[in-house]
Amino acid sequence: MSTTQAKMTMAQAINMAMDDALALDPTVLVLGEDVADPQGGGVFKCTSGLSTKHGNDRVRSTPIAEQAIIGAAVGAALAGMRPVAEIMLMNFMTVAMDQIVNHAAKLRFMTGGQTHVPLTIRTATGAGFGTGGQHGDYLEAWFAHTAGLKVVAPSSPADAYGLLLSCIFDDDPCIFIENMPLYFTPGIAPVRGERIPIGKAKVVREGTDATVISYSRTLNDVVAVADKLAKDNISIEVVDLRTIAPLDFDTVCKSVAKTGRALVAHEAQADFGVGAEIAARLHKELFGRLKAPVGRLGSVRSPVPFSKPLEMAYMPGQDRIAEAILQVLK
């Protein structure tokens, strides 16, 4: 008898994670623009129904004021709460960088470990919707560069659920990055209550010819390309970072040591990005054992275009991923 696994979108999985966290711990609260009903649970419906179920005092809509959202969330975390602050789009986090980088990230260090900041900041980004240059940037490298912040970027509904639960109950500030196109893409439903450890990558596809390291939406494109290349007897191993900081370099290094070749692919611009950090570490750790230089693939160094054809050319789609893999194999 065949069995089918339950499906769920990432938006539904994120909603379920917050629902479970709110039910589990009375110190958890959610705040952000239009997160409460009857507005509909935010632009992407990730918080739909939560205020009706848990009350407006715990799921609270705020003014359009990113500094106020993060400032209030940092204060709530210091006072013993576990706030989940939604910043609608990642570009808007630039408005609250002082609160994030100078306060949330550093207060534990500056108090000698006496003060924790159990804050989760959820934010969405991703090109492909014609939202223009101020709405679709991937800025994860900015936050990964800041000591004291944990940076998470899931690629599936199950990972989004498990990682978000872990972020909410972590005692340090976590940046939880959600990719807009993935919100509505069905995937295997998570096991309710099951948390995924922060800082642990996953080999999602075994292979022998080369390793491709990725995360978020680009990870799914990489897997699709690897499946196509398999028809030509090219065996690609795929590693999903899931967490960018802290980086699970042990899993990455073990995979690349096995295959001898590597490509790092992400939606963010390649210059000064996560791929550069991983490539530098791999070249140092596996010097003399690599069969080829580590490849790097990201979006074009440009503001995100509004024009659809330019936007598609800007991103590292499946054709560019395949080309980059074949270049590494040469």
C-alpha atoms as a PDB file:
ATOM      1  CA  MET A   1       0.000   0.000   0.000  1.00  0.00           C
ATOM      2  CA  SER A   2       1.404   3.399  -0.958  1.00  0.00           C
ATOM      3  CA  THR A   3       1.321   6.257   1.507  1.00  0.00           C
ATOM      4  CA  THR A   4       1.399   9.964   0.758  1.00  0.00           C
ATOM      5  CA  GLN A   5       3.089  12.474   3.009  1.00  0.00           C
ATOM      6  CA  ALA A   6       1.113  15.485   4.155  1.00  0.00           C
ATOM      7  CA  LYS A   7       1.939  18.744   2.374  1.00  0.00           C
ATOM      8  CA  MET A   8       2.117  22.277   3.685  1.00  0.00           C
ATOM      9  CA  THR A   9       3.351  25.639   2.395  1.00  0.00           C
ATOM     10  CA  MET A  10       6.130  27.523   4.152  1.00  0.00           C
ATOM     11  CA  ALA A  11       3.687  30.262   5.173  1.00  0.00           C
ATOM     12  CA  GLN A  12       1.517  27.646   6.867  1.00  0.00           C
ATOM     13  CA  ALA A  13       4.536  26.053   8.569  1.00  0.00           C
ATOM     14  CA  ILE A  14       5.702  29.421   9.920  1.00  0.00           C
ATOM     15  CA  ASN A  15       2.211  30.132  11.203  1.00  0.00           C
ATOM     16  CA  MET A  16       2.108  26.746  12.926  1.00  0.00           C
ATOM     17  CA  ALA A  17       5.498  27.296  14.560  1.00  0.00           C
ATOM     18  CA  MET A  18       4.388  30.595  16.077  1.00  0.00           C
ATOM     19  CA  ASP A  19       1.049  29.089  17.098  1.00  0.00           C
ATOM     20  CA  ASP A  20       2.826  26.252  18.903  1.00  0.00           C
ATOM     21  CA  ALA A  21       5.331  28.606  20.557  1.00  0.00           C
ATOM     22  CA  LEU A  22       2.561  30.931  21.783  1.00  0.00           C
ATOM     23  CA  ALA A  23       0.672  27.960  23.227  1.00  0.00           C
ATOM     24  CA  LEU A  24       3.770  26.482  24.826  1.00  0.00           C
ATOM     25  CA  ASP A  25       5.227  29.543  26.541  1.00  0.00           C
ATOM     26  CA  PRO A  26       3.294  32.566  27.877  1.00  0.00           C
ATOM     27  CA  THR A  27       6.384  34.774  27.459  1.00  0.00           C
ATOM     28  CA  VAL A  28       6.261  34.435  23.644  1.00  0.00           C
ATOM     29  CA  LEU A  29       4.694  37.377  21.835  1.00  0.00           C
ATOM     30  CA  VAL A  30       4.434  38.451  18.195  1.00  0.00           C
ATOM     31  CA  LEU A  31       4.565  42.040  16.967  1.00  0.00           C
ATOM     32  CA  GLY A  32       4.798  43.767  13.600  1.00  0.00           C
ATOM     33  CA  GLU A  33       2.872  45.636  10.946  1.00  0.00           C
ATOM     34  CA  ASP A  34      -0.627  44.209  10.407  1.00  0.00           C
ATOM     35  CA  VAL A  35       0.212  40.891  12.104  1.00  0.00           C
ATOM     36  CA  ALA A  36      -3.056  40.802  14.051  1.00  0.00           C
ATOM     37  CA  ASP A  37      -6.551  40.054  12.775  1.00  0.00           C
ATOM     38  CA  PRO A  38      -8.709  41.410  11.205  1.00  0.00           C
ATOM     39  CA  GLN A  39      -6.005  42.824   8.905  1.00  0.00           C
ATOM     40  CA  GLY A  40      -5.402  39.262   7.794  1.00  0.00           C
ATOM     41  CA  GLY A  41      -2.179  38.214   9.459  1.00  0.00           C
ATOM     42  CA  GLY A  42       0.326  40.303   7.549  1.00  0.00           C
ATOM     43  CA  VAL A  43       1.078  40.616   3.851  1.00  0.00           C
ATOM     44  CA  PHE A  44       1.904  36.912   3.487  1.00  0.00           C
ATOM     45  CA  LYS A  45      -0.714  35.626   5.975  1.00  0.00           C
ATOM     46  CA  CYS A  46       1.965  34.061   8.198  1.00  0.00           C
ATOM     47  CA  THR A  47       0.253  35.271  11.371  1.00  0.00           C
ATOM     48  CA  SER A  48      -3.347  34.816  10.243  1.00  0.00           C
ATOM     49  CA  GLY A  49      -5.617  33.736  13.081  1.00  0.00           C
ATOM     50  CA  LEU A  50      -2.988  33.986  15.803  1.00  0.00           C
ATOM     51  CA  SER A  51      -4.364  37.089  17.517  1.00  0.00           C
ATOM     52  CA  THR A  52      -7.879  35.636  17.444  1.00  0.00           C
ATOM     53  CA  LYS A  53      -6.605  32.513  19.173  1.00  0.00           C
ATOM     54  CA  HIS A  54      -4.024  33.992  21.560  1.00  0.00           C
ATOM     55  CA  GLY A  55      -5.260  37.556  22.063  1.00  0.00           C
ATOM     56  CA  ASN A  56      -4.220  40.989  20.860  1.00  0.00           C
ATOM     57  CA  ASP A  57      -1.962  41.467  23.871  1.00  0.00           C
ATOM     58  CA  ARG A  58       0.286  38.662  22.593  1.00  0.00           C
ATOM     59  CA  VAL A  59      -0.086  39.163  18.832  1.00  0.00           C
ATOM     60  CA  ARG A  60       0.052  42.909  18.354  1.00  0.00           C
ATOM     61  CA  SER A  61      -0.100  45.035  15.229  1.00  0.00           C
ATOM     62  CA  THR A  62       2.240  48.014  15.267  1.00  0.00           C
ATOM     63  CA  PRO A  63       2.585  51.274  13.365  1.00  0.00           C
ATOM     64  CA  ILE A  64       4.801  51.359  10.279  1.00  0.00           C
ATOM     65  CA  ALA A  65       7.900  52.046  12.364  1.00  0.00           C
ATOM     66  CA  GLU A  66      10.713  49.506  12.149  1.00  0.00           C
ATOM     67  CA  GLN A  67      12.784  51.269  14.808  1.00  0.00           C
ATOM     68  CA  ALA A  68       9.874  51.112  17.212  1.00  0.00           C
ATOM     69  CA  ILE A  69       9.172  47.437  16.441  1.00  0.00           C
ATOM     70  CA  ILE A  70      12.744  46.308  17.073  1.00  0.00           C
ATOM     71  CA  GLY A  71      13.312  48.735  19.938  1.00  0.00           C
ATOM     72  CA  ALA A  72      10.204  47.465  21.734  1.00  0.00           C
ATOM     73  CA  ALA A  73      11.182  43.853  20.994  1.00  0.00           C
ATOM     74  CA  VAL A  74      14.694  44.312  22.410  1.00  0.00           C
ATOM     75  CA  GLY A  75      13.203  45.858  25.543  1.00  0.00           C
ATOM     76  CA  ALA A  76      10.686  43.031  25.882  1.00  0.00           C
ATOM     77  CA  ALA A  77      13.474  40.445  25.514  1.00  0.00           C
ATOM     78  CA  LEU A  78      15.509  42.152  28.239  1.00  0.00           C
ATOM     79  CA  ALA A  79      12.430  42.095  30.474  1.00  0.00           C
ATOM     80  CA  GLY A  80      12.051  38.318  30.177  1.00  0.00           C
ATOM     81  CA  MET A  81       9.798  37.907  27.129  1.00  0.00           C
ATOM     82  CA  ARG A  82      10.514  35.990  23.934  1.00  0.00           C
ATOM     83  CA  PRO A  83       9.357  38.409  21.218  1.00  0.00           C
ATOM     84  CA  VAL A  84       8.990  37.466  17.554  1.00  0.00           C
ATOM     85  CA  ALA A  85       9.265  40.736  15.637  1.00  0.00           C
ATOM     86  CA  GLU A  86       8.217  40.812  11.994  1.00  0.00           C
ATOM     87  CA  ILE A  87       9.944  43.258   9.661  1.00  0.00           C
ATOM     88  CA  MET A  88       7.902  42.927   6.501  1.00  0.00           C
ATOM     89  CA  LEU A  89      10.824  43.010   4.042  1.00  0.00           C
ATOM     90  CA  MET A  90      14.552  42.600   4.607  1.00  0.00           C
ATOM     91  CA  ASN A  91      15.445  45.929   3.029  1.00  0.00           C
ATOM     92  CA  PHE A  92      13.380  47.630   5.736  1.00  0.00           C
ATOM     93  CA  MET A  93      15.697  46.217   8.404  1.00  0.00           C
ATOM     94  CA  THR A  94      18.159  48.929   7.401  1.00  0.00           C
ATOM     95  CA  VAL A  95      15.911  51.392   9.263  1.00  0.00           C
ATOM     96  CA  ALA A  96      16.487  49.491  12.521  1.00  0.00           C
ATOM     97  CA  MET A  97      20.173  48.576  12.152  1.00  0.00           C
ATOM     98  CA  ASP A  98      21.183  50.486  15.287  1.00  0.00           C
ATOM     99  CA  GLN A  99      18.778  48.479  17.458  1.00  0.00           C
ATOM    100  CA  ILE A 100      19.809  45.189  15.817  1.00  0.00           C
ATOM    101  CA  VAL A 101      23.590  45.593  15.525  1.00  0.00           C
ATOM    102  CA  ASN A 102      24.446  47.882  18.421  1.00  0.00           C
ATOM    103  CA  HIS A 103      21.920  46.648  20.980  1.00  0.00           C
ATOM    104  CA  ALA A 104      20.389  43.219  20.363  1.00  0.00           C
ATOM    105  CA  ALA A 105      23.646  41.682  19.118  1.00  0.00           C
ATOM    106  CA  LYS A 106      25.936  43.111  21.800  1.00  0.00           C
ATOM    107  CA  LEU A 107      24.042  43.388  25.081  1.00  0.00           C
ATOM    108  CA  ARG A 108      24.896  39.863  26.221  1.00  0.00           C
ATOM    109  CA  PHE A 109      28.600  40.525  25.629  1.00  0.00           C
ATOM    110  CA  MET A 110      28.529  43.991  27.180  1.00  0.00           C
ATOM    111  CA  THR A 111      26.929  42.670  30.377  1.00  0.00           C
ATOM    112  CA  GLY A 112      29.406  39.846  30.806  1.00  0.00           C
ATOM    113  CA  GLY A 113      26.772  37.254  29.950  1.00  0.00           C
ATOM    114  CA  GLN A 114      24.349  38.447  32.620  1.00  0.00           C
ATOM    115  CA  THR A 115      21.766  39.651  30.097  1.00  0.00           C
ATOM    116  CA  HIS A 116      20.210  37.564  27.342  1.00  0.00           C
ATOM    117  CA  VAL A 117      18.277  38.876  24.337  1.00  0.00           C
ATOM    118  CA  PRO A 118      15.936  36.032  23.251  1.00  0.00           C
ATOM    119  CA  LEU A 119      14.647  37.905  20.213  1.00  0.00           C
ATOM    120  CA  THR A 120      13.610  36.482  16.851  1.00  0.00           C
ATOM    121  CA  ILE A 121      13.332  38.831  13.877  1.00  0.00           C
ATOM    122  CA  ARG A 122      11.366  37.382  10.978  1.00  0.00           C
ATOM    123  CA  THR A 123      11.816  39.051   7.612  1.00  0.00           C
ATOM    124  CA  ALA A 124      11.046  38.260   3.978  1.00  0.00           C
ATOM    125  CA  THR A 125      12.963  38.931   0.788  1.00  0.00           C
ATOM    126  CA  GLY A 126      13.626  37.555  -2.672  1.00  0.00           C
ATOM    127  CA  ALA A 127      13.546  38.748  -6.254  1.00  0.00           C
ATOM    128  CA  GLY A 128      11.088  37.584  -8.883  1.00  0.00           C
ATOM    129  CA  PHE A 129       7.976  39.594  -8.041  1.00  0.00           C
ATOM    130  CA  GLY A 130       8.874  42.902  -9.681  1.00  0.00           C
ATOM    131  CA  THR A 131       9.099  44.637  -6.310  1.00  0.00           C
ATOM    132  CA  GLY A 132      12.132  46.697  -7.326  1.00  0.00           C
ATOM    133  CA  GLY A 133      15.454  47.587  -5.816  1.00  0.00           C
ATOM    134  CA  GLN A 134      14.241  48.448  -2.295  1.00  0.00           C
ATOM    135  CA  HIS A 135      12.250  45.284  -1.563  1.00  0.00           C
ATOM    136  CA  GLY A 136      14.114  42.170  -2.735  1.00  0.00           C
ATOM    137  CA  ASP A 137      17.734  42.253  -1.538  1.00  0.00           C
ATOM    138  CA  TYR A 138      19.389  39.342   0.238  1.00  0.00           C
ATOM    139  CA  LEU A 139      21.409  40.997   3.011  1.00  0.00           C
ATOM    140  CA  GLU A 140      22.285  37.948   5.106  1.00  0.00           C
ATOM    141  CA  ALA A 141      26.042  38.610   4.918  1.00  0.00           C
ATOM    142  CA  TRP A 142      25.557  41.922   6.761  1.00  0.00           C
ATOM    143  CA  PHE A 143      24.073  40.151   9.755  1.00  0.00           C
ATOM    144  CA  ALA A 144      26.352  37.104   9.613  1.00  0.00           C
ATOM    145  CA  HIS A 145      29.250  39.567   9.870  1.00  0.00           C
ATOM    146  CA  THR A 146      27.908  40.845  13.209  1.00  0.00           C
ATOM    147  CA  ALA A 147      29.052  38.864  16.242  1.00  0.00           C
ATOM    148  CA  GLY A 148      26.152  38.005  18.514  1.00  0.00           C
ATOM    149  CA  LEU A 149      23.545  37.372  15.816  1.00  0.00           C
ATOM    150  CA  LYS A 150      22.370  34.003  14.551  1.00  0.00           C
ATOM    151  CA  VAL A 151      21.220  33.961  10.922  1.00  0.00           C
ATOM    152  CA  VAL A 152      18.837  31.297   9.615  1.00  0.00           C
ATOM    153  CA  ALA A 153      17.536  30.760   6.048  1.00  0.00           C
ATOM    154  CA  PRO A 154      15.266  27.707   5.536  1.00  0.00           C
ATOM    155  CA  SER A 155      14.516  26.186   2.159  1.00  0.00           C
ATOM    156  CA  SER A 156      11.451  24.046   2.979  1.00  0.00           C
ATOM    157  CA  PRO A 157       8.299  24.153   5.115  1.00  0.00           C
ATOM    158  CA  ALA A 158       9.579  21.470   7.489  1.00  0.00           C
ATOM    159  CA  ASP A 159      12.870  23.297   8.023  1.00  0.00           C
ATOM    160  CA  ALA A 160      11.069  26.616   8.454  1.00  0.00           C
ATOM    161  CA  TYR A 161       8.918  25.170  11.220  1.00  0.00           C
ATOM    162  CA  GLY A 162      11.694  23.385  13.089  1.00  0.00           C
ATOM    163  CA  LEU A 163      14.215  26.193  12.785  1.00  0.00           C
ATOM    164  CA  LEU A 164      11.733  28.913  13.770  1.00  0.00           C
ATOM    165  CA  LEU A 165      10.814  27.005  16.926  1.00  0.00           C
ATOM    166  CA  SER A 166      14.515  26.737  17.770  1.00  0.00           C
ATOM    167  CA  CYS A 167      15.005  30.464  17.146  1.00  0.00           C
ATOM    168  CA  ILE A 168      12.093  31.472  19.354  1.00  0.00           C
ATOM    169  CA  PHE A 169      13.436  29.441  22.277  1.00  0.00           C
ATOM    170  CA  ASP A 170      17.070  30.442  21.766  1.00  0.00           C
ATOM    171  CA  ASP A 171      18.522  32.887  24.291  1.00  0.00           C
ATOM    172  CA  ASP A 172      20.323  34.938  21.627  1.00  0.00           C
ATOM    173  CA  PRO A 173      18.926  37.158  18.854  1.00  0.00           C
ATOM    174  CA  CYS A 174      18.123  35.285  15.647  1.00  0.00           C
ATOM    175  CA  ILE A 175      17.517  36.699  12.164  1.00  0.00           C
ATOM    176  CA  PHE A 176      15.039  34.390  10.409  1.00  0.00           C
ATOM    177  CA  ILE A 177      15.042  34.975   6.628  1.00  0.00           C
ATOM    178  CA  GLU A 178      12.036  33.855   4.598  1.00  0.00           C
ATOM    179  CA  ASN A 179      12.045  33.758   0.799  1.00  0.00           C
ATOM    180  CA  MET A 180       8.882  35.171  -0.734  1.00  0.00           C
ATOM    181  CA  PRO A 181       8.442  32.633  -3.573  1.00  0.00           C
ATOM    182  CA  LEU A 182       8.772  29.771  -1.077  1.00  0.00           C
ATOM    183  CA  TYR A 183       5.814  31.003   0.992  1.00  0.00           C
ATOM    184  CA  PHE A 184       3.339  29.415  -1.396  1.00  0.00           C
ATOM    185  CA  THR A 185       5.322  26.357  -2.552  1.00  0.00           C
ATOM    186  CA  PRO A 186       4.025  23.110  -1.008  1.00  0.00           C
ATOM    187  CA  GLY A 187       6.478  20.778   0.676  1.00  0.00           C
ATOM    188  CA  ILE A 188       6.511  17.924   3.161  1.00  0.00           C
ATOM    189  CA  ALA A 189       4.755  19.000   6.356  1.00  0.00           C
ATOM    190  CA  PRO A 190       6.869  19.204   9.524  1.00  0.00           C
ATOM    191  CA  VAL A 191       6.562  16.882  12.481  1.00  0.00           C
ATOM    192  CA  ARG A 192       4.719  19.029  14.994  1.00  0.00           C
ATOM    193  CA  GLY A 193       6.872  19.926  17.981  1.00  0.00           C
ATOM    194  CA  GLU A 194      10.124  18.787  16.356  1.00  0.00           C
ATOM    195  CA  ARG A 195      12.859  21.411  16.499  1.00  0.00           C
ATOM    196  CA  ILE A 196      15.839  21.586  14.130  1.00  0.00           C
ATOM    197  CA  PRO A 197      19.098  22.637  15.805  1.00  0.00           C
ATOM    198  CA  ILE A 198      20.508  26.010  14.823  1.00  0.00           C
ATOM    199  CA  GLY A 199      23.959  25.692  13.239  1.00  0.00           C
ATOM    200  CA  LYS A 200      23.486  22.263  11.647  1.00  0.00           C
ATOM    201  CA  ALA A 201      23.620  21.864   7.856  1.00  0.00           C
ATOM    202  CA  LYS A 202      22.044  18.955   5.993  1.00  0.00           C
ATOM    203  CA  VAL A 203      23.178  16.866   3.028  1.00  0.00           C
ATOM    204  CA  VAL A 204      19.942  16.794   1.031  1.00  0.00           C
ATOM    205  CA  ARG A 205      21.368  14.897  -1.934  1.00  0.00           C
ATOM    206  CA  GLU A 206      24.268  12.441  -2.056  1.00  0.00           C
ATOM    207  CA  GLY A 207      26.809  12.661  -4.881  1.00  0.00           C
ATOM    208  CA  THR A 208      30.411  11.970  -5.834  1.00  0.00           C
ATOM    209  CA  ASP A 209      31.523  14.395  -8.590  1.00  0.00           C
ATOM    210  CA  ALA A 210      31.075  17.791  -6.895  1.00  0.00           C
ATOM    211  CA  THR A 211      29.419  19.455  -3.922  1.00  0.00           C
ATOM    212  CA  VAL A 212      27.062  22.404  -4.251  1.00  0.00           C
ATOM    213  CA  ILE A 213      26.457  24.396  -1.059  1.00  0.00           C
ATOM    214  CA  SER A 214      23.357  26.565  -0.924  1.00  0.00           C
ATOM    215  CA  TYR A 215      20.356  27.682   1.133  1.00  0.00           C
ATOM    216  CA  SER A 216      16.869  29.201   0.881  1.00  0.00           C
ATOM    217  CA  ARG A 217      15.202  29.276  -2.569  1.00  0.00           C
ATOM    218  CA  THR A 218      18.445  28.768  -4.493  1.00  0.00           C
ATOM    219  CA  LEU A 219      18.841  25.393  -2.754  1.00  0.00           C
ATOM    220  CA  ASN A 220      15.708  24.126  -4.497  1.00  0.00           C
ATOM    221  CA  ASP A 221      17.012  25.262  -7.882  1.00  0.00           C
ATOM    222  CA  VAL A 222      20.312  23.498  -7.158  1.00  0.00           C
ATOM    223  CA  VAL A 223      18.521  20.219  -6.391  1.00  0.00           C
ATOM    224  CA  ALA A 224      16.506  20.511  -9.601  1.00  0.00           C
ATOM    225  CA  VAL A 225      19.688  21.057 -11.621  1.00  0.00           C
ATOM    226  CA  ALA A 226      21.430  18.152  -9.880  1.00  0.00           C
ATOM    227  CA  ASP A 227      18.529  15.870 -10.794  1.00  0.00           C
ATOM    228  CA  LYS A 228      18.811  16.930 -14.447  1.00  0.00           C
ATOM    229  CA  LEU A 229      22.579  16.418 -14.515  1.00  0.00           C
ATOM    230  CA  ALA A 230      22.136  12.936 -13.085  1.00  0.00           C
ATOM    231  CA  LYS A 231      20.590  11.937 -16.416  1.00  0.00           C
ATOM    232  CA  ASP A 232      24.025  12.629 -17.941  1.00  0.00           C
ATOM    233  CA  ASN A 233      25.736  10.532 -15.235  1.00  0.00           C
ATOM    234  CA  ILE A 234      26.957  13.614 -13.360  1.00  0.00           C
ATOM    235  CA  SER A 235      26.650  12.999  -9.627  1.00  0.00           C
ATOM    236  CA  ILE A 236      26.171  16.151  -7.546  1.00  0.00           C
ATOM    237  CA  GLU A 237      26.054  16.265  -3.749  1.00  0.00           C
ATOM    238  CA  VAL A 238      23.953  19.114  -2.330  1.00  0.00           C
ATOM    239  CA  VAL A 239      24.416  20.647   1.123  1.00  0.00           C
ATOM    240  CA  ASP A 240      21.705  22.883   2.576  1.00  0.00           C
ATOM    241  CA  LEU A 241      23.333  25.249   5.073  1.00  0.00           C
ATOM    242  CA  ARG A 242      19.974  26.049   6.727  1.00  0.00           C
ATOM    243  CA  THR A 243      21.907  28.222   9.201  1.00  0.00           C
ATOM    244  CA  ILE A 244      24.377  30.794   7.888  1.00  0.00           C
ATOM    245  CA  ALA A 245      25.685  31.884  11.289  1.00  0.00           C
ATOM    246  CA  PRO A 246      26.865  29.875  13.069  1.00  0.00           C
ATOM    247  CA  LEU A 247      28.149  28.075   9.984  1.00  0.00           C
ATOM    248  CA  ASP A 248      28.317  24.273  10.033  1.00  0.00           C
ATOM    249  CA  PHE A 249      31.651  24.150   8.249  1.00  0.00           C
ATOM    250  CA  ASP A 250      32.339  20.567   9.393  1.00  0.00           C
ATOM    251  CA  THR A 251      29.481  19.202   7.262  1.00  0.00           C
ATOM    252  CA  VAL A 252      30.505  21.361   4.295  1.00  0.00           C
ATOM    253  CA  CYS A 253      34.168  20.408   4.546  1.00  0.00           C
ATOM    254  CA  LYS A 254      33.440  16.693   4.896  1.00  0.00           C
ATOM    255  CA  SER A 255      31.319  16.735   1.746  1.00  0.00           C
ATOM    256  CA  VAL A 256      33.866  18.673  -0.315  1.00  0.00           C
ATOM    257  CA  ALA A 257      36.706  16.477   0.923  1.00  0.00           C
ATOM    258  CA  LYS A 258      34.762  13.527  -0.501  1.00  0.00           C
ATOM    259  CA  THR A 259      33.976  15.038  -3.914  1.00  0.00           C
ATOM    260  CA  GLY A 260      37.041  17.252  -4.368  1.00  0.00           C
ATOM    261  CA  ARG A 261      35.059  20.001  -6.097  1.00  0.00           C
ATOM    262  CA  ALA A 262      32.682  22.666  -4.783  1.00  0.00           C
ATOM    263  CA  LEU A 263      30.339  25.458  -5.815  1.00  0.00           C
ATOM    264  CA  VAL A 264      28.601  27.855  -3.431  1.00  0.00           C
ATOM    265  CA  ALA A 265      25.365  29.254  -4.868  1.00  0.00           C
ATOM    266  CA  HIS A 266      23.073  31.846  -3.316  1.00  0.00           C
ATOM    267  CA  GLU A 267      20.661  34.591  -4.367  1.00  0.00           C
ATOM    268  CA  ALA A 268      22.669  37.362  -2.710  1.00  0.00           C
ATOM    269  CA  GLN A 269      25.310  39.098  -4.797  1.00  0.00           C
ATOM    270  CA  ALA A 270      28.492  37.057  -4.996  1.00  0.00           C
ATOM    271  CA  ASP A 271      30.812  39.930  -4.049  1.00  0.00           C
ATOM    272  CA  PHE A 272      31.731  39.899  -0.329  1.00  0.00           C
ATOM    273  CA  GLY A 273      29.072  37.271   0.336  1.00  0.00           C
ATOM    274  CA  VAL A 274      28.566  33.989   2.172  1.00  0.00           C
ATOM    275  CA  GLY A 275      30.075  32.127  -0.769  1.00  0.00           C
ATOM    276  CA  ALA A 276      33.315  34.092  -0.448  1.00  0.00           C
ATOM    277  CA  GLU A 277      33.645  33.107   3.217  1.00  0.00           C
ATOM    278  CA  ILE A 278      33.002  29.422   2.528  1.00  0.00           C
ATOM    279  CA  ALA A 279      35.351  29.372  -0.469  1.00  0.00           C
ATOM    280  CA  ALA A 280      38.149  30.956   1.588  1.00  0.00           C
ATOM    281  CA  ARG A 281      37.716  28.401   4.367  1.00  0.00           C
ATOM    282  CA  LEU A 282      37.628  25.470   1.946  1.00  0.00           C
ATOM    283  CA  HIS A 283      40.770  26.601   0.148  1.00  0.00           C
ATOM    284  CA  LYS A 284      42.587  26.884   3.475  1.00  0.00           C
ATOM    285  CA  GLU A 285      41.335  23.596   4.942  1.00  0.00           C
ATOM    286  CA  LEU A 286      41.558  21.459   1.779  1.00  0.00           C
ATOM    287  CA  PHE A 287      44.558  23.082   0.098  1.00  0.00           C
ATOM    288  CA  GLY A 288      46.229  20.495  -2.114  1.00  0.00           C
ATOM    289  CA  ARG A 289      43.224  18.170  -2.030  1.00  0.00           C
ATOM    290  CA  LEU A 290      40.823  20.188  -4.171  1.00  0.00           C
ATOM    291  CA  LYS A 291      40.586  19.131  -7.805  1.00  0.00           C
ATOM    292  CA  ALA A 292      39.541  22.639  -8.886  1.00  0.00           C
ATOM    293  CA  PRO A 293      39.101  26.100  -7.357  1.00  0.00           C
ATOM    294  CA  VAL A 294      35.869  26.513  -5.396  1.00  0.00           C
ATOM    295  CA  GLY A 295      33.229  28.159  -7.565  1.00  0.00           C
ATOM    296  CA  ARG A 296      30.972  31.000  -6.447  1.00  0.00           C
ATOM    297  CA  LEU A 297      27.618  31.977  -7.923  1.00  0.00           C
ATOM    298  CA  GLY A 298      25.289  34.776  -6.888  1.00  0.00           C
ATOM    299  CA  SER A 299      23.115  37.480  -8.348  1.00  0.00           C
ATOM    300  CA  VAL A 300      24.563  40.173 -10.576  1.00  0.00           C
ATOM    301  CA  ARG A 301      26.153  43.113  -8.736  1.00  0.00           C
ATOM    302  CA  SER A 302      23.267  45.506  -9.257  1.00  0.00           C
ATOM    303  CA  PRO A 303      20.204  46.777  -7.445  1.00  0.00           C
ATOM    304  CA  VAL A 304      17.344  44.331  -7.986  1.00  0.00           C
ATOM    305  CA  PRO A 305      15.762  45.350 -11.330  1.00  0.00           C
ATOM    306  CA  PHE A 306      12.046  46.070 -11.654  1.00  0.00           C
ATOM    307  CA  SER A 307      11.878  44.933 -15.287  1.00  0.00           C
ATOM    308  CA  LYS A 308      10.899  41.247 -15.418  1.00  0.00           C
ATOM    309  CA  PRO A 309      13.443  40.210 -18.076  1.00  0.00           C
ATOM    310  CA  LEU A 310      16.217  42.062 -16.232  1.00  0.00           C
ATOM    311  CA  GLU A 311      15.106  40.579 -12.914  1.00  0.00           C
ATOM    312  CA  MET A 312      15.318  37.051 -14.335  1.00  0.00           C
ATOM    313  CA  ALA A 313      18.777  37.797 -15.752  1.00  0.00           C
ATOM    314  CA  TYR A 314      19.822  39.237 -12.390  1.00  0.00           C
ATOM    315  CA  MET A 315      19.165  36.067 -10.366  1.00  0.00           C
ATOM    316  CA  PRO A 316      21.171  32.820 -10.439  1.00  0.00           C
ATOM    317  CA  GLY A 317      18.513  30.667 -12.100  1.00  0.00           C
ATOM    318  CA  GLN A 318      18.834  27.030 -13.052  1.00  0.00           C
ATOM    319  CA  ASP A 319      20.660  27.698 -16.329  1.00  0.00           C
ATOM    320  CA  ARG A 320      23.393  29.695 -14.585  1.00  0.00           C
ATOM    321  CA  ILE A 321      23.622  27.108 -11.802  1.00  0.00           C
ATOM    322  CA  ALA A 322      24.113  24.308 -14.340  1.00  0.00           C
ATOM    323  CA  GLU A 323      26.736  26.331 -16.189  1.00  0.00           C
ATOM    324  CA  ALA A 324      28.613  27.054 -12.935  1.00  0.00           C
ATOM    325  CA  ILE A 325      28.575  23.371 -11.925  1.00  0.00           C
ATOM    326  CA  LEU A 326      29.922  22.291 -15.321  1.00  0.00           C
ATOM    327  CA  GLN A 327      32.659  24.932 -15.026  1.00  0.00           C
ATOM    328  CA  VAL A 328      33.730  23.495 -11.658  1.00  0.00           C
ATOM    329  CA  LEU A 329      33.757  19.996 -13.179  1.00  0.00           C
ATOM    330  CA  LYS A 330      36.179  21.124 -15.895  1.00  0.00           C
END
